[in-house]
Amino acid sequence: MSRPMTLNVRVSGTLSEFVASNIGGDGAYENVSEYVRDLIRRDKARAETEGFERLKAELTAAFAAPESAYVALDAETVIARNARG
């Protein structure tokens, strides 16, 4: 398990006002740390979803290809091709 990380971020102007509006009694978060952790979790989930969607699109295209588009390869050919790239 990784060690906790301390982040120091300075925001001002409209960004500071926006953060403040999300903190405390009128906001959705108790404190800035809770807000930032939630933003990071959401960004992580977004990145994972994007990666899954890319993989799904590639697999969909591969399965939609006609049988004639596939070429039989032996293990040595696949290993050699992957070693080059």
C-alpha atoms as a PDB file:
ATOM      1  CA  MET A   1       0.000   0.000   0.000  1.00  0.00           C
ATOM      2  CA  SER A   2       1.306   3.445  -0.842  1.00  0.00           C
ATOM      3  CA  ARG A   3       2.048   6.093   1.720  1.00  0.00           C
ATOM      4  CA  PRO A   4      -0.277   9.046   2.248  1.00  0.00           C
ATOM      5  CA  MET A   5       0.611  12.125   0.223  1.00  0.00           C
ATOM      6  CA  THR A   6       0.271  15.701   1.369  1.00  0.00           C
ATOM      7  CA  LEU A   7      -0.691  18.178  -1.337  1.00  0.00           C
ATOM      8  CA  ASN A   8      -0.444  21.931  -1.062  1.00  0.00           C
ATOM      9  CA  VAL A   9      -2.499  23.805  -3.637  1.00  0.00           C
ATOM     10  CA  ARG A  10      -3.024  27.538  -3.834  1.00  0.00           C
ATOM     11  CA  VAL A  11      -6.152  28.841  -5.535  1.00  0.00           C
ATOM     12  CA  SER A  12      -7.426  32.389  -5.691  1.00  0.00           C
ATOM     13  CA  GLY A  13     -10.134  34.503  -7.237  1.00  0.00           C
ATOM     14  CA  THR A  14     -13.085  32.707  -8.748  1.00  0.00           C
ATOM     15  CA  LEU A  15     -11.556  29.277  -8.099  1.00  0.00           C
ATOM     16  CA  SER A  16     -11.234  30.071  -4.398  1.00  0.00           C
ATOM     17  CA  GLU A  17     -14.802  31.359  -4.298  1.00  0.00           C
ATOM     18  CA  PHE A  18     -16.063  28.246  -6.051  1.00  0.00           C
ATOM     19  CA  VAL A  19     -14.261  25.944  -3.611  1.00  0.00           C
ATOM     20  CA  ALA A  20     -15.574  27.945  -0.659  1.00  0.00           C
ATOM     21  CA  SER A  21     -19.133  27.636  -1.976  1.00  0.00           C
ATOM     22  CA  ASN A  22     -18.790  23.835  -1.842  1.00  0.00           C
ATOM     23  CA  ILE A  23     -17.467  23.721   1.732  1.00  0.00           C
ATOM     24  CA  GLY A  24     -19.266  24.051   5.046  1.00  0.00           C
ATOM     25  CA  GLY A  25     -22.916  24.412   5.953  1.00  0.00           C
ATOM     26  CA  ASP A  26     -24.130  25.447   2.494  1.00  0.00           C
ATOM     27  CA  GLY A  27     -21.778  23.172   0.567  1.00  0.00           C
ATOM     28  CA  ALA A  28     -21.679  19.459  -0.102  1.00  0.00           C
ATOM     29  CA  TYR A  29     -18.371  18.903   1.727  1.00  0.00           C
ATOM     30  CA  GLU A  30     -17.231  19.346   5.319  1.00  0.00           C
ATOM     31  CA  ASN A  31     -13.758  20.590   4.372  1.00  0.00           C
ATOM     32  CA  VAL A  32     -11.399  21.220   1.463  1.00  0.00           C
ATOM     33  CA  SER A  33      -9.609  17.880   1.895  1.00  0.00           C
ATOM     34  CA  GLU A  34     -12.866  15.960   1.534  1.00  0.00           C
ATOM     35  CA  TYR A  35     -13.712  17.975  -1.576  1.00  0.00           C
ATOM     36  CA  VAL A  36     -10.316  17.379  -3.190  1.00  0.00           C
ATOM     37  CA  ARG A  37     -10.387  13.636  -2.399  1.00  0.00           C
ATOM     38  CA  ASP A  38     -13.810  13.400  -4.059  1.00  0.00           C
ATOM     39  CA  LEU A  39     -12.571  15.279  -7.132  1.00  0.00           C
ATOM     40  CA  ILE A  40      -9.607  12.905  -7.413  1.00  0.00           C
ATOM     41  CA  ARG A  41     -11.842   9.827  -7.030  1.00  0.00           C
ATOM     42  CA  ARG A  42     -14.158  11.140  -9.744  1.00  0.00           C
ATOM     43  CA  ASP A  43     -11.251  11.874 -12.077  1.00  0.00           C
ATOM     44  CA  LYS A  44      -9.831   8.384 -11.469  1.00  0.00           C
ATOM     45  CA  ALA A  45     -13.224   6.826 -12.248  1.00  0.00           C
ATOM     46  CA  ARG A  46     -13.488   8.956 -15.414  1.00  0.00           C
ATOM     47  CA  ALA A  47     -10.042   7.829 -16.590  1.00  0.00           C
ATOM     48  CA  GLU A  48     -10.890   4.173 -15.921  1.00  0.00           C
ATOM     49  CA  THR A  49     -14.195   4.526 -17.791  1.00  0.00           C
ATOM     50  CA  GLU A  50     -12.451   6.128 -20.774  1.00  0.00           C
ATOM     51  CA  GLY A  51      -9.912   3.301 -20.876  1.00  0.00           C
ATOM     52  CA  PHE A  52     -12.675   0.699 -20.726  1.00  0.00           C
ATOM     53  CA  GLU A  53     -14.632   2.465 -23.479  1.00  0.00           C
ATOM     54  CA  ARG A  54     -11.534   2.533 -25.735  1.00  0.00           C
ATOM     55  CA  LEU A  55     -10.982  -1.177 -25.158  1.00  0.00           C
ATOM     56  CA  LYS A  56     -14.655  -1.921 -25.797  1.00  0.00           C
ATOM     57  CA  ALA A  57     -14.545   0.037 -29.086  1.00  0.00           C
ATOM     58  CA  GLU A  58     -11.434  -1.832 -30.221  1.00  0.00           C
ATOM     59  CA  LEU A  59     -12.975  -5.197 -29.368  1.00  0.00           C
ATOM     60  CA  THR A  60     -16.244  -4.268 -31.080  1.00  0.00           C
ATOM     61  CA  ALA A  61     -14.335  -3.364 -34.255  1.00  0.00           C
ATOM     62  CA  ALA A  62     -12.279  -6.560 -34.063  1.00  0.00           C
ATOM     63  CA  PHE A  63     -15.335  -8.783 -33.654  1.00  0.00           C
ATOM     64  CA  ALA A  64     -17.114  -6.973 -36.505  1.00  0.00           C
ATOM     65  CA  ALA A  65     -14.279  -7.661 -38.949  1.00  0.00           C
ATOM     66  CA  PRO A  66     -14.968 -10.330 -41.549  1.00  0.00           C
ATOM     67  CA  GLU A  67     -13.396 -13.733 -41.032  1.00  0.00           C
ATOM     68  CA  SER A  68     -11.172 -13.112 -44.081  1.00  0.00           C
ATOM     69  CA  ALA A  69      -9.468 -10.251 -42.221  1.00  0.00           C
ATOM     70  CA  TYR A  70      -7.936 -12.679 -39.733  1.00  0.00           C
ATOM     71  CA  VAL A  71      -4.596 -14.337 -40.399  1.00  0.00           C
ATOM     72  CA  ALA A  72      -3.338 -17.347 -38.479  1.00  0.00           C
ATOM     73  CA  LEU A  73      -0.074 -16.647 -36.675  1.00  0.00           C
ATOM     74  CA  ASP A  74       2.184 -18.940 -34.728  1.00  0.00           C
ATOM     75  CA  ALA A  75       3.602 -17.974 -31.340  1.00  0.00           C
ATOM     76  CA  GLU A  76       7.070 -17.182 -32.713  1.00  0.00           C
ATOM     77  CA  THR A  77       5.626 -14.655 -35.177  1.00  0.00           C
ATOM     78  CA  VAL A  78       3.589 -12.924 -32.468  1.00  0.00           C
ATOM     79  CA  ILE A  79       6.596 -12.776 -30.124  1.00  0.00           C
ATOM     80  CA  ALA A  80       8.829 -11.395 -32.886  1.00  0.00           C
ATOM     81  CA  ARG A  81       6.228  -8.775 -33.865  1.00  0.00           C
ATOM     82  CA  ASN A  82       5.775  -7.653 -30.274  1.00  0.00           C
ATOM     83  CA  ALA A  83       9.542  -7.451 -29.714  1.00  0.00           C
ATOM     84  CA  ARG A  84       9.795  -4.902 -32.549  1.00  0.00           C
ATOM     85  CA  GLY A  85       7.034  -2.659 -31.342  1.00  0.00           C
END
